[in-house]
Protein backbone atom coordinates (compact mmCIF):
# COMPACT_ATOMS: atom_id res chain seq x y z
CA UNK A 1 0.00 0.00 0.00
CA UNK A 2 1.50 3.31 -1.09
CA UNK A 3 1.99 5.89 1.66
CA UNK A 4 3.30 9.44 1.37
CA UNK A 5 6.29 10.34 3.50
CA UNK A 6 5.81 12.95 6.21
CA UNK A 7 8.60 14.98 4.60
CA UNK A 8 6.21 16.34 1.96
CA UNK A 9 4.07 19.45 2.36
CA UNK A 10 0.45 18.71 1.46
CA UNK A 11 -2.80 20.27 2.62
CA UNK A 12 -5.17 18.07 0.58
CA UNK A 13 -5.59 14.37 -0.19
CA UNK A 14 -7.90 14.58 -3.21
CA UNK A 15 -5.75 12.26 -5.33
CA UNK A 16 -5.45 9.39 -2.84
CA UNK A 17 -8.63 7.46 -3.82
CA UNK A 18 -7.20 7.17 -7.35
CA UNK A 19 -3.96 5.44 -6.29
CA UNK A 20 -5.20 1.81 -6.53
CA UNK A 21 -6.58 2.44 -10.04
CA UNK A 22 -3.38 4.14 -11.14
CA UNK A 23 -1.18 1.33 -9.81
CA UNK A 24 -3.24 -1.24 -11.69
CA UNK A 25 -3.42 0.87 -14.84
CA UNK A 26 0.31 1.57 -15.06
CA UNK A 27 1.22 -2.02 -14.25
CA UNK A 28 -0.93 -3.05 -17.21
CA UNK A 29 0.18 -0.23 -19.50
CA UNK A 30 3.89 -0.65 -18.79
CA UNK A 31 5.87 1.76 -16.61
CA UNK A 32 8.89 1.48 -18.88
CA UNK A 33 6.98 3.21 -21.70
CA UNK A 34 6.79 6.51 -19.80
CA UNK A 35 9.67 8.78 -20.85
CA UNK A 36 7.91 12.13 -21.34
CA UNK A 37 5.07 13.40 -19.12
CA UNK A 38 2.76 16.42 -19.22
CA UNK A 39 0.65 17.30 -16.19
CA UNK A 40 -1.95 20.03 -16.74
CA UNK A 41 -2.93 21.18 -13.26
CA UNK A 42 -0.75 19.85 -10.44
CA UNK A 43 -1.75 21.81 -7.30
CA UNK A 44 0.77 20.77 -4.60
CA UNK A 45 1.92 17.73 -6.55
CA UNK A 46 0.25 14.79 -4.86
CA UNK A 47 -0.20 12.92 -8.16
CA UNK A 48 3.23 14.11 -9.25
CA UNK A 49 4.92 12.61 -6.21
CA UNK A 50 3.07 9.33 -6.59
CA UNK A 51 4.35 9.08 -10.16
CA UNK A 52 7.90 9.94 -9.09
CA UNK A 53 7.96 7.32 -6.36
CA UNK A 54 6.00 4.49 -7.96
CA UNK A 55 6.02 4.81 -11.75
CA UNK A 56 8.74 6.93 -13.32
CA UNK A 57 12.31 5.88 -14.01
CA UNK A 58 15.37 8.10 -13.80
CA UNK A 59 15.74 10.70 -16.53
CA UNK A 60 12.05 11.12 -17.36
CA UNK A 61 11.13 14.55 -18.75
CA UNK A 62 8.18 16.04 -16.88
CA UNK A 63 6.42 19.26 -17.99
CA UNK A 64 4.08 21.01 -15.57
CA UNK A 65 1.38 23.55 -16.47
CA UNK A 66 -0.40 25.36 -13.62
CA UNK A 67 -1.34 28.85 -12.47
CA UNK A 68 -0.51 27.85 -8.86
CA UNK A 69 -3.37 30.04 -7.69
CA UNK A 70 -5.99 27.34 -7.12
CA UNK A 71 -9.54 27.41 -8.49
CA UNK A 72 -12.68 29.18 -7.37
CA UNK A 73 -14.09 25.88 -6.13
CA UNK A 74 -10.97 25.08 -4.09
CA UNK A 75 -11.04 28.53 -2.57
CA UNK A 76 -14.33 27.73 -0.88
CA UNK A 77 -13.43 24.34 0.52
CA UNK A 78 -11.43 24.98 3.68
CA UNK A 79 -9.04 27.26 5.52
CA UNK A 80 -6.43 26.79 2.82
CA UNK A 81 -8.37 29.30 0.75
CA UNK A 82 -6.83 32.28 2.50
CA UNK A 83 -3.35 31.06 1.61
CA UNK A 84 -3.91 30.08 -2.02
CA UNK A 85 -2.75 33.38 -3.47
CA UNK A 86 -0.61 34.50 -0.55
CA UNK A 87 3.17 34.17 -0.59
CA UNK A 88 3.07 31.71 -3.52
CA UNK A 89 1.75 29.08 -1.11
CA UNK A 90 0.84 26.40 -3.69
CA UNK A 91 3.90 26.99 -5.87
CA UNK A 92 6.24 26.82 -2.89
CA UNK A 93 4.69 23.59 -1.66
CA UNK A 94 4.91 22.06 -5.12
CA UNK A 95 8.54 23.00 -5.73
CA UNK A 96 9.47 21.83 -2.24
CA UNK A 97 7.81 18.47 -2.82
CA UNK A 98 9.48 17.79 -6.17
CA UNK A 99 12.88 18.88 -4.78
CA UNK A 100 13.20 15.35 -3.39
CA UNK A 101 13.15 13.93 -6.93
CA UNK A 102 16.14 15.29 -8.80
CA UNK A 103 16.14 12.12 -10.91
CA UNK A 104 13.19 13.58 -12.84
CA UNK A 105 13.72 16.48 -15.27
CA UNK A 106 11.00 18.94 -14.28
CA UNK A 107 10.05 21.94 -16.40
CA UNK A 108 7.48 24.23 -14.74
CA UNK A 109 5.27 26.43 -16.94
CA UNK A 110 3.35 28.84 -14.73
CA UNK A 111 0.24 30.33 -16.28
CA UNK A 112 -3.08 29.44 -17.87
CA UNK A 113 -3.12 26.23 -19.88
CA UNK A 114 -4.92 27.81 -22.84
CA UNK A 115 -1.93 30.15 -23.20
CA UNK A 116 0.88 27.67 -22.51
CA UNK A 117 -0.29 24.53 -24.32
CA UNK A 118 -0.23 26.14 -27.81
CA UNK A 119 3.40 27.13 -27.20
CA UNK A 120 4.25 23.53 -26.31
CA UNK A 121 2.59 22.41 -29.54
CA UNK A 122 4.70 24.91 -31.48
CA UNK A 123 7.78 23.42 -29.78
CA UNK A 124 6.73 20.02 -31.20
CA UNK A 125 6.48 18.51 -27.74
CA UNK A 126 5.39 14.88 -27.59
CA UNK A 127 4.38 12.90 -24.51
CA UNK A 128 3.84 9.29 -23.48
CA UNK A 129 1.49 10.24 -20.64
CA UNK A 130 -0.70 13.32 -20.14
CA UNK A 131 -2.75 14.00 -17.00
CA UNK A 132 -5.49 16.65 -17.31
CA UNK A 133 -6.59 18.07 -13.96
CA UNK A 134 -6.85 21.84 -14.32
CA UNK A 135 -10.07 23.82 -14.73
CA UNK A 136 -13.43 22.45 -13.60
CA UNK A 137 -15.19 24.08 -16.56
CA UNK A 138 -16.25 21.94 -19.52
CA UNK A 139 -15.00 24.39 -22.15
CA UNK A 140 -11.58 24.74 -20.53
CA UNK A 141 -11.29 20.97 -20.16
CA UNK A 142 -12.09 20.45 -23.83
CA UNK A 143 -9.46 23.00 -24.87
CA UNK A 144 -6.87 21.28 -22.65
CA UNK A 145 -7.82 17.93 -24.21
CA UNK A 146 -7.64 19.34 -27.74
CA UNK A 147 -4.05 20.47 -27.31
CA UNK A 148 -3.14 17.36 -25.32
CA UNK A 149 -4.35 15.22 -28.23
CA UNK A 150 -1.94 17.00 -30.56
CA UNK A 151 0.99 16.21 -28.27
CA UNK A 152 0.15 12.67 -27.12
CA UNK A 153 2.24 10.08 -28.91
CA UNK A 154 0.48 7.21 -30.69
CA UNK A 155 0.14 4.53 -28.04
CA UNK A 156 0.30 7.20 -25.33
CA UNK A 157 -1.93 7.36 -22.27
CA UNK A 158 -4.20 10.23 -21.22
CA UNK A 159 -6.12 10.49 -17.93
CA UNK A 160 -8.84 13.06 -17.21
CA UNK A 161 -9.61 13.87 -13.59
CA UNK A 162 -12.99 15.00 -12.20
CA UNK A 163 -15.26 13.33 -14.77
CA UNK A 164 -17.89 12.85 -12.08
CA UNK A 165 -17.23 16.11 -10.21
CA UNK A 166 -20.14 18.52 -9.80
CA UNK A 167 -20.43 21.91 -8.10
CA UNK A 168 -23.75 21.80 -6.17
CA UNK A 169 -23.95 25.58 -6.45
CA UNK A 170 -23.44 25.68 -10.23
CA UNK A 171 -25.23 22.82 -11.97
CA UNK A 172 -25.11 24.06 -15.57
CA UNK A 173 -23.16 21.48 -17.65
CA UNK A 174 -20.45 24.00 -18.52
CA UNK A 175 -19.57 24.21 -14.82
CA UNK A 176 -18.10 20.69 -14.64
CA UNK A 177 -15.52 18.81 -16.75
CA UNK A 178 -17.86 15.98 -17.82
CA UNK A 179 -19.36 17.70 -20.87
CA UNK A 180 -15.94 18.75 -22.13
CA UNK A 181 -14.59 15.22 -21.75
CA UNK A 182 -17.63 13.72 -23.47
CA UNK A 183 -17.30 16.20 -26.34
CA UNK A 184 -13.64 15.29 -26.76
CA UNK A 185 -14.29 11.56 -26.98
CA UNK A 186 -17.32 12.11 -29.23
CA UNK A 187 -15.04 13.94 -31.63
CA UNK A 188 -12.07 11.57 -31.39
CA UNK A 189 -13.77 8.29 -30.46
CA UNK A 190 -12.12 6.42 -33.35
CA UNK A 191 -8.68 7.54 -32.18
CA UNK A 192 -8.77 6.27 -28.58
CA UNK A 193 -9.31 3.04 -26.70
CA UNK A 194 -10.88 3.58 -23.24
CA UNK A 195 -9.16 1.68 -20.43
CA UNK A 196 -10.59 3.29 -17.29
CA UNK A 197 -13.90 4.98 -16.46
CA UNK A 198 -15.26 6.20 -13.15
CA UNK A 199 -14.41 9.41 -11.34
CA UNK A 200 -11.49 9.53 -13.79
CA UNK A 201 -11.38 8.62 -17.48
CA UNK A 202 -8.32 6.96 -19.02
CA UNK A 203 -7.67 6.12 -22.67
CA UNK A 204 -4.84 5.07 -24.97
CA UNK A 205 -4.31 6.84 -28.27
CA UNK A 206 -4.48 4.31 -31.07
CA UNK A 207 -1.19 3.76 -32.86
CA UNK A 208 -2.70 3.56 -36.33
CA UNK A 209 -4.46 6.95 -36.10
CA UNK A 210 -3.32 10.47 -35.35
C-alpha atoms as a PDB file:
ATOM      1  CA  UNK A   1       0.000   0.000   0.000  1.00  0.00           C
ATOM      2  CA  UNK A   2       1.501   3.311  -1.095  1.00  0.00           C
ATOM      3  CA  UNK A   3       1.994   5.887   1.655  1.00  0.00           C
ATOM      4  CA  UNK A   4       3.301   9.441   1.372  1.00  0.00           C
ATOM      5  CA  UNK A   5       6.288  10.337   3.503  1.00  0.00           C
ATOM      6  CA  UNK A   6       5.807  12.952   6.211  1.00  0.00           C
ATOM      7  CA  UNK A   7       8.601  14.985   4.604  1.00  0.00           C
ATOM      8  CA  UNK A   8       6.205  16.336   1.964  1.00  0.00           C
ATOM      9  CA  UNK A   9       4.073  19.451   2.357  1.00  0.00           C
ATOM     10  CA  UNK A  10       0.451  18.711   1.461  1.00  0.00           C
ATOM     11  CA  UNK A  11      -2.798  20.274   2.618  1.00  0.00           C
ATOM     12  CA  UNK A  12      -5.173  18.074   0.584  1.00  0.00           C
ATOM     13  CA  UNK A  13      -5.591  14.367  -0.186  1.00  0.00           C
ATOM     14  CA  UNK A  14      -7.902  14.576  -3.211  1.00  0.00           C
ATOM     15  CA  UNK A  15      -5.754  12.265  -5.335  1.00  0.00           C
ATOM     16  CA  UNK A  16      -5.454   9.394  -2.845  1.00  0.00           C
ATOM     17  CA  UNK A  17      -8.634   7.458  -3.816  1.00  0.00           C
ATOM     18  CA  UNK A  18      -7.205   7.173  -7.353  1.00  0.00           C
ATOM     19  CA  UNK A  19      -3.965   5.441  -6.292  1.00  0.00           C
ATOM     20  CA  UNK A  20      -5.196   1.812  -6.534  1.00  0.00           C
ATOM     21  CA  UNK A  21      -6.580   2.436 -10.035  1.00  0.00           C
ATOM     22  CA  UNK A  22      -3.376   4.143 -11.140  1.00  0.00           C
ATOM     23  CA  UNK A  23      -1.178   1.330  -9.812  1.00  0.00           C
ATOM     24  CA  UNK A  24      -3.245  -1.243 -11.686  1.00  0.00           C
ATOM     25  CA  UNK A  25      -3.424   0.870 -14.841  1.00  0.00           C
ATOM     26  CA  UNK A  26       0.312   1.575 -15.062  1.00  0.00           C
ATOM     27  CA  UNK A  27       1.217  -2.021 -14.248  1.00  0.00           C
ATOM     28  CA  UNK A  28      -0.928  -3.052 -17.205  1.00  0.00           C
ATOM     29  CA  UNK A  29       0.183  -0.227 -19.500  1.00  0.00           C
ATOM     30  CA  UNK A  30       3.890  -0.651 -18.790  1.00  0.00           C
ATOM     31  CA  UNK A  31       5.871   1.761 -16.611  1.00  0.00           C
ATOM     32  CA  UNK A  32       8.895   1.479 -18.883  1.00  0.00           C
ATOM     33  CA  UNK A  33       6.983   3.213 -21.699  1.00  0.00           C
ATOM     34  CA  UNK A  34       6.792   6.515 -19.799  1.00  0.00           C
ATOM     35  CA  UNK A  35       9.670   8.783 -20.850  1.00  0.00           C
ATOM     36  CA  UNK A  36       7.907  12.126 -21.344  1.00  0.00           C
ATOM     37  CA  UNK A  37       5.073  13.395 -19.119  1.00  0.00           C
ATOM     38  CA  UNK A  38       2.760  16.423 -19.218  1.00  0.00           C
ATOM     39  CA  UNK A  39       0.650  17.304 -16.189  1.00  0.00           C
ATOM     40  CA  UNK A  40      -1.950  20.025 -16.737  1.00  0.00           C
ATOM     41  CA  UNK A  41      -2.928  21.178 -13.259  1.00  0.00           C
ATOM     42  CA  UNK A  42      -0.754  19.853 -10.443  1.00  0.00           C
ATOM     43  CA  UNK A  43      -1.753  21.811  -7.303  1.00  0.00           C
ATOM     44  CA  UNK A  44       0.765  20.774  -4.603  1.00  0.00           C
ATOM     45  CA  UNK A  45       1.924  17.730  -6.547  1.00  0.00           C
ATOM     46  CA  UNK A  46       0.252  14.793  -4.865  1.00  0.00           C
ATOM     47  CA  UNK A  47      -0.202  12.916  -8.161  1.00  0.00           C
ATOM     48  CA  UNK A  48       3.227  14.106  -9.248  1.00  0.00           C
ATOM     49  CA  UNK A  49       4.924  12.614  -6.209  1.00  0.00           C
ATOM     50  CA  UNK A  50       3.067   9.326  -6.586  1.00  0.00           C
ATOM     51  CA  UNK A  51       4.355   9.081 -10.160  1.00  0.00           C
ATOM     52  CA  UNK A  52       7.900   9.943  -9.093  1.00  0.00           C
ATOM     53  CA  UNK A  53       7.956   7.324  -6.359  1.00  0.00           C
ATOM     54  CA  UNK A  54       5.998   4.494  -7.960  1.00  0.00           C
ATOM     55  CA  UNK A  55       6.017   4.809 -11.753  1.00  0.00           C
ATOM     56  CA  UNK A  56       8.741   6.928 -13.318  1.00  0.00           C
ATOM     57  CA  UNK A  57      12.307   5.882 -14.008  1.00  0.00           C
ATOM     58  CA  UNK A  58      15.374   8.095 -13.797  1.00  0.00           C
ATOM     59  CA  UNK A  59      15.740  10.700 -16.535  1.00  0.00           C
ATOM     60  CA  UNK A  60      12.048  11.122 -17.361  1.00  0.00           C
ATOM     61  CA  UNK A  61      11.131  14.550 -18.751  1.00  0.00           C
ATOM     62  CA  UNK A  62       8.176  16.043 -16.883  1.00  0.00           C
ATOM     63  CA  UNK A  63       6.424  19.256 -17.993  1.00  0.00           C
ATOM     64  CA  UNK A  64       4.076  21.007 -15.570  1.00  0.00           C
ATOM     65  CA  UNK A  65       1.380  23.550 -16.467  1.00  0.00           C
ATOM     66  CA  UNK A  66      -0.403  25.356 -13.625  1.00  0.00           C
ATOM     67  CA  UNK A  67      -1.337  28.847 -12.467  1.00  0.00           C
ATOM     68  CA  UNK A  68      -0.514  27.847  -8.860  1.00  0.00           C
ATOM     69  CA  UNK A  69      -3.373  30.043  -7.690  1.00  0.00           C
ATOM     70  CA  UNK A  70      -5.994  27.345  -7.118  1.00  0.00           C
ATOM     71  CA  UNK A  71      -9.541  27.409  -8.491  1.00  0.00           C
ATOM     72  CA  UNK A  72     -12.681  29.182  -7.367  1.00  0.00           C
ATOM     73  CA  UNK A  73     -14.091  25.884  -6.128  1.00  0.00           C
ATOM     74  CA  UNK A  74     -10.973  25.079  -4.092  1.00  0.00           C
ATOM     75  CA  UNK A  75     -11.044  28.528  -2.568  1.00  0.00           C
ATOM     76  CA  UNK A  76     -14.328  27.734  -0.880  1.00  0.00           C
ATOM     77  CA  UNK A  77     -13.433  24.341   0.518  1.00  0.00           C
ATOM     78  CA  UNK A  78     -11.427  24.980   3.679  1.00  0.00           C
ATOM     79  CA  UNK A  79      -9.036  27.263   5.518  1.00  0.00           C
ATOM     80  CA  UNK A  80      -6.429  26.786   2.824  1.00  0.00           C
ATOM     81  CA  UNK A  81      -8.369  29.302   0.745  1.00  0.00           C
ATOM     82  CA  UNK A  82      -6.833  32.284   2.497  1.00  0.00           C
ATOM     83  CA  UNK A  83      -3.353  31.061   1.610  1.00  0.00           C
ATOM     84  CA  UNK A  84      -3.913  30.084  -2.017  1.00  0.00           C
ATOM     85  CA  UNK A  85      -2.747  33.379  -3.473  1.00  0.00           C
ATOM     86  CA  UNK A  86      -0.612  34.500  -0.553  1.00  0.00           C
ATOM     87  CA  UNK A  87       3.171  34.170  -0.589  1.00  0.00           C
ATOM     88  CA  UNK A  88       3.069  31.705  -3.516  1.00  0.00           C
ATOM     89  CA  UNK A  89       1.753  29.080  -1.109  1.00  0.00           C
ATOM     90  CA  UNK A  90       0.840  26.402  -3.688  1.00  0.00           C
ATOM     91  CA  UNK A  91       3.899  26.995  -5.873  1.00  0.00           C
ATOM     92  CA  UNK A  92       6.244  26.821  -2.887  1.00  0.00           C
ATOM     93  CA  UNK A  93       4.689  23.587  -1.657  1.00  0.00           C
ATOM     94  CA  UNK A  94       4.908  22.058  -5.120  1.00  0.00           C
ATOM     95  CA  UNK A  95       8.538  22.997  -5.734  1.00  0.00           C
ATOM     96  CA  UNK A  96       9.468  21.834  -2.238  1.00  0.00           C
ATOM     97  CA  UNK A  97       7.813  18.467  -2.823  1.00  0.00           C
ATOM     98  CA  UNK A  98       9.483  17.794  -6.174  1.00  0.00           C
ATOM     99  CA  UNK A  99      12.877  18.883  -4.782  1.00  0.00           C
ATOM    100  CA  UNK A 100      13.198  15.345  -3.388  1.00  0.00           C
ATOM    101  CA  UNK A 101      13.154  13.933  -6.927  1.00  0.00           C
ATOM    102  CA  UNK A 102      16.137  15.294  -8.798  1.00  0.00           C
ATOM    103  CA  UNK A 103      16.139  12.118 -10.912  1.00  0.00           C
ATOM    104  CA  UNK A 104      13.193  13.584 -12.842  1.00  0.00           C
ATOM    105  CA  UNK A 105      13.723  16.479 -15.272  1.00  0.00           C
ATOM    106  CA  UNK A 106      11.003  18.940 -14.281  1.00  0.00           C
ATOM    107  CA  UNK A 107      10.053  21.945 -16.397  1.00  0.00           C
ATOM    108  CA  UNK A 108       7.475  24.231 -14.745  1.00  0.00           C
ATOM    109  CA  UNK A 109       5.267  26.431 -16.942  1.00  0.00           C
ATOM    110  CA  UNK A 110       3.351  28.837 -14.732  1.00  0.00           C
ATOM    111  CA  UNK A 111       0.236  30.335 -16.281  1.00  0.00           C
ATOM    112  CA  UNK A 112      -3.081  29.436 -17.866  1.00  0.00           C
ATOM    113  CA  UNK A 113      -3.124  26.228 -19.880  1.00  0.00           C
ATOM    114  CA  UNK A 114      -4.919  27.813 -22.839  1.00  0.00           C
ATOM    115  CA  UNK A 115      -1.925  30.154 -23.201  1.00  0.00           C
ATOM    116  CA  UNK A 116       0.875  27.674 -22.509  1.00  0.00           C
ATOM    117  CA  UNK A 117      -0.293  24.534 -24.324  1.00  0.00           C
ATOM    118  CA  UNK A 118      -0.230  26.141 -27.812  1.00  0.00           C
ATOM    119  CA  UNK A 119       3.401  27.133 -27.202  1.00  0.00           C
ATOM    120  CA  UNK A 120       4.253  23.533 -26.307  1.00  0.00           C
ATOM    121  CA  UNK A 121       2.586  22.406 -29.535  1.00  0.00           C
ATOM    122  CA  UNK A 122       4.703  24.905 -31.478  1.00  0.00           C
ATOM    123  CA  UNK A 123       7.782  23.422 -29.782  1.00  0.00           C
ATOM    124  CA  UNK A 124       6.733  20.023 -31.202  1.00  0.00           C
ATOM    125  CA  UNK A 125       6.484  18.515 -27.736  1.00  0.00           C
ATOM    126  CA  UNK A 126       5.389  14.881 -27.587  1.00  0.00           C
ATOM    127  CA  UNK A 127       4.376  12.898 -24.512  1.00  0.00           C
ATOM    128  CA  UNK A 128       3.844   9.293 -23.478  1.00  0.00           C
ATOM    129  CA  UNK A 129       1.490  10.245 -20.637  1.00  0.00           C
ATOM    130  CA  UNK A 130      -0.704  13.322 -20.139  1.00  0.00           C
ATOM    131  CA  UNK A 131      -2.749  13.998 -17.004  1.00  0.00           C
ATOM    132  CA  UNK A 132      -5.490  16.649 -17.308  1.00  0.00           C
ATOM    133  CA  UNK A 133      -6.589  18.070 -13.957  1.00  0.00           C
ATOM    134  CA  UNK A 134      -6.850  21.839 -14.321  1.00  0.00           C
ATOM    135  CA  UNK A 135     -10.071  23.824 -14.732  1.00  0.00           C
ATOM    136  CA  UNK A 136     -13.426  22.446 -13.596  1.00  0.00           C
ATOM    137  CA  UNK A 137     -15.185  24.080 -16.564  1.00  0.00           C
ATOM    138  CA  UNK A 138     -16.253  21.940 -19.517  1.00  0.00           C
ATOM    139  CA  UNK A 139     -15.005  24.386 -22.151  1.00  0.00           C
ATOM    140  CA  UNK A 140     -11.583  24.744 -20.529  1.00  0.00           C
ATOM    141  CA  UNK A 141     -11.289  20.969 -20.161  1.00  0.00           C
ATOM    142  CA  UNK A 142     -12.090  20.454 -23.830  1.00  0.00           C
ATOM    143  CA  UNK A 143      -9.460  22.997 -24.872  1.00  0.00           C
ATOM    144  CA  UNK A 144      -6.870  21.282 -22.652  1.00  0.00           C
ATOM    145  CA  UNK A 145      -7.816  17.932 -24.207  1.00  0.00           C
ATOM    146  CA  UNK A 146      -7.641  19.337 -27.742  1.00  0.00           C
ATOM    147  CA  UNK A 147      -4.051  20.472 -27.309  1.00  0.00           C
ATOM    148  CA  UNK A 148      -3.139  17.361 -25.321  1.00  0.00           C
ATOM    149  CA  UNK A 149      -4.347  15.221 -28.233  1.00  0.00           C
ATOM    150  CA  UNK A 150      -1.942  16.998 -30.564  1.00  0.00           C
ATOM    151  CA  UNK A 151       0.987  16.205 -28.267  1.00  0.00           C
ATOM    152  CA  UNK A 152       0.146  12.674 -27.124  1.00  0.00           C
ATOM    153  CA  UNK A 153       2.236  10.083 -28.912  1.00  0.00           C
ATOM    154  CA  UNK A 154       0.481   7.206 -30.695  1.00  0.00           C
ATOM    155  CA  UNK A 155       0.144   4.531 -28.040  1.00  0.00           C
ATOM    156  CA  UNK A 156       0.300   7.195 -25.333  1.00  0.00           C
ATOM    157  CA  UNK A 157      -1.928   7.356 -22.274  1.00  0.00           C
ATOM    158  CA  UNK A 158      -4.205  10.229 -21.217  1.00  0.00           C
ATOM    159  CA  UNK A 159      -6.117  10.490 -17.931  1.00  0.00           C
ATOM    160  CA  UNK A 160      -8.837  13.061 -17.209  1.00  0.00           C
ATOM    161  CA  UNK A 161      -9.614  13.872 -13.588  1.00  0.00           C
ATOM    162  CA  UNK A 162     -12.990  14.999 -12.195  1.00  0.00           C
ATOM    163  CA  UNK A 163     -15.255  13.333 -14.774  1.00  0.00           C
ATOM    164  CA  UNK A 164     -17.894  12.848 -12.077  1.00  0.00           C
ATOM    165  CA  UNK A 165     -17.234  16.111 -10.208  1.00  0.00           C
ATOM    166  CA  UNK A 166     -20.139  18.524  -9.798  1.00  0.00           C
ATOM    167  CA  UNK A 167     -20.432  21.906  -8.100  1.00  0.00           C
ATOM    168  CA  UNK A 168     -23.746  21.798  -6.168  1.00  0.00           C
ATOM    169  CA  UNK A 169     -23.952  25.578  -6.453  1.00  0.00           C
ATOM    170  CA  UNK A 170     -23.436  25.678 -10.230  1.00  0.00           C
ATOM    171  CA  UNK A 171     -25.232  22.822 -11.966  1.00  0.00           C
ATOM    172  CA  UNK A 172     -25.114  24.059 -15.567  1.00  0.00           C
ATOM    173  CA  UNK A 173     -23.165  21.482 -17.646  1.00  0.00           C
ATOM    174  CA  UNK A 174     -20.450  23.998 -18.517  1.00  0.00           C
ATOM    175  CA  UNK A 175     -19.573  24.208 -14.822  1.00  0.00           C
ATOM    176  CA  UNK A 176     -18.100  20.692 -14.636  1.00  0.00           C
ATOM    177  CA  UNK A 177     -15.518  18.810 -16.746  1.00  0.00           C
ATOM    178  CA  UNK A 178     -17.859  15.981 -17.823  1.00  0.00           C
ATOM    179  CA  UNK A 179     -19.356  17.698 -20.865  1.00  0.00           C
ATOM    180  CA  UNK A 180     -15.937  18.755 -22.134  1.00  0.00           C
ATOM    181  CA  UNK A 181     -14.586  15.216 -21.754  1.00  0.00           C
ATOM    182  CA  UNK A 182     -17.630  13.717 -23.471  1.00  0.00           C
ATOM    183  CA  UNK A 183     -17.303  16.196 -26.339  1.00  0.00           C
ATOM    184  CA  UNK A 184     -13.643  15.286 -26.759  1.00  0.00           C
ATOM    185  CA  UNK A 185     -14.287  11.564 -26.979  1.00  0.00           C
ATOM    186  CA  UNK A 186     -17.316  12.107 -29.229  1.00  0.00           C
ATOM    187  CA  UNK A 187     -15.041  13.941 -31.630  1.00  0.00           C
ATOM    188  CA  UNK A 188     -12.066  11.569 -31.386  1.00  0.00           C
ATOM    189  CA  UNK A 189     -13.766   8.292 -30.463  1.00  0.00           C
ATOM    190  CA  UNK A 190     -12.115   6.423 -33.350  1.00  0.00           C
ATOM    191  CA  UNK A 191      -8.676   7.535 -32.185  1.00  0.00           C
ATOM    192  CA  UNK A 192      -8.768   6.269 -28.581  1.00  0.00           C
ATOM    193  CA  UNK A 193      -9.311   3.038 -26.699  1.00  0.00           C
ATOM    194  CA  UNK A 194     -10.879   3.577 -23.244  1.00  0.00           C
ATOM    195  CA  UNK A 195      -9.155   1.676 -20.434  1.00  0.00           C
ATOM    196  CA  UNK A 196     -10.590   3.293 -17.286  1.00  0.00           C
ATOM    197  CA  UNK A 197     -13.896   4.984 -16.458  1.00  0.00           C
ATOM    198  CA  UNK A 198     -15.256   6.197 -13.147  1.00  0.00           C
ATOM    199  CA  UNK A 199     -14.409   9.406 -11.340  1.00  0.00           C
ATOM    200  CA  UNK A 200     -11.487   9.534 -13.791  1.00  0.00           C
ATOM    201  CA  UNK A 201     -11.377   8.618 -17.476  1.00  0.00           C
ATOM    202  CA  UNK A 202      -8.322   6.958 -19.016  1.00  0.00           C
ATOM    203  CA  UNK A 203      -7.671   6.116 -22.668  1.00  0.00           C
ATOM    204  CA  UNK A 204      -4.844   5.075 -24.973  1.00  0.00           C
ATOM    205  CA  UNK A 205      -4.309   6.842 -28.267  1.00  0.00           C
ATOM    206  CA  UNK A 206      -4.482   4.308 -31.073  1.00  0.00           C
ATOM    207  CA  UNK A 207      -1.191   3.755 -32.859  1.00  0.00           C
ATOM    208  CA  UNK A 208      -2.695   3.563 -36.334  1.00  0.00           C
ATOM    209  CA  UNK A 209      -4.464   6.954 -36.104  1.00  0.00           C
ATOM    210  CA  UNK A 210      -3.324  10.474 -35.346  1.00  0.00           C
END
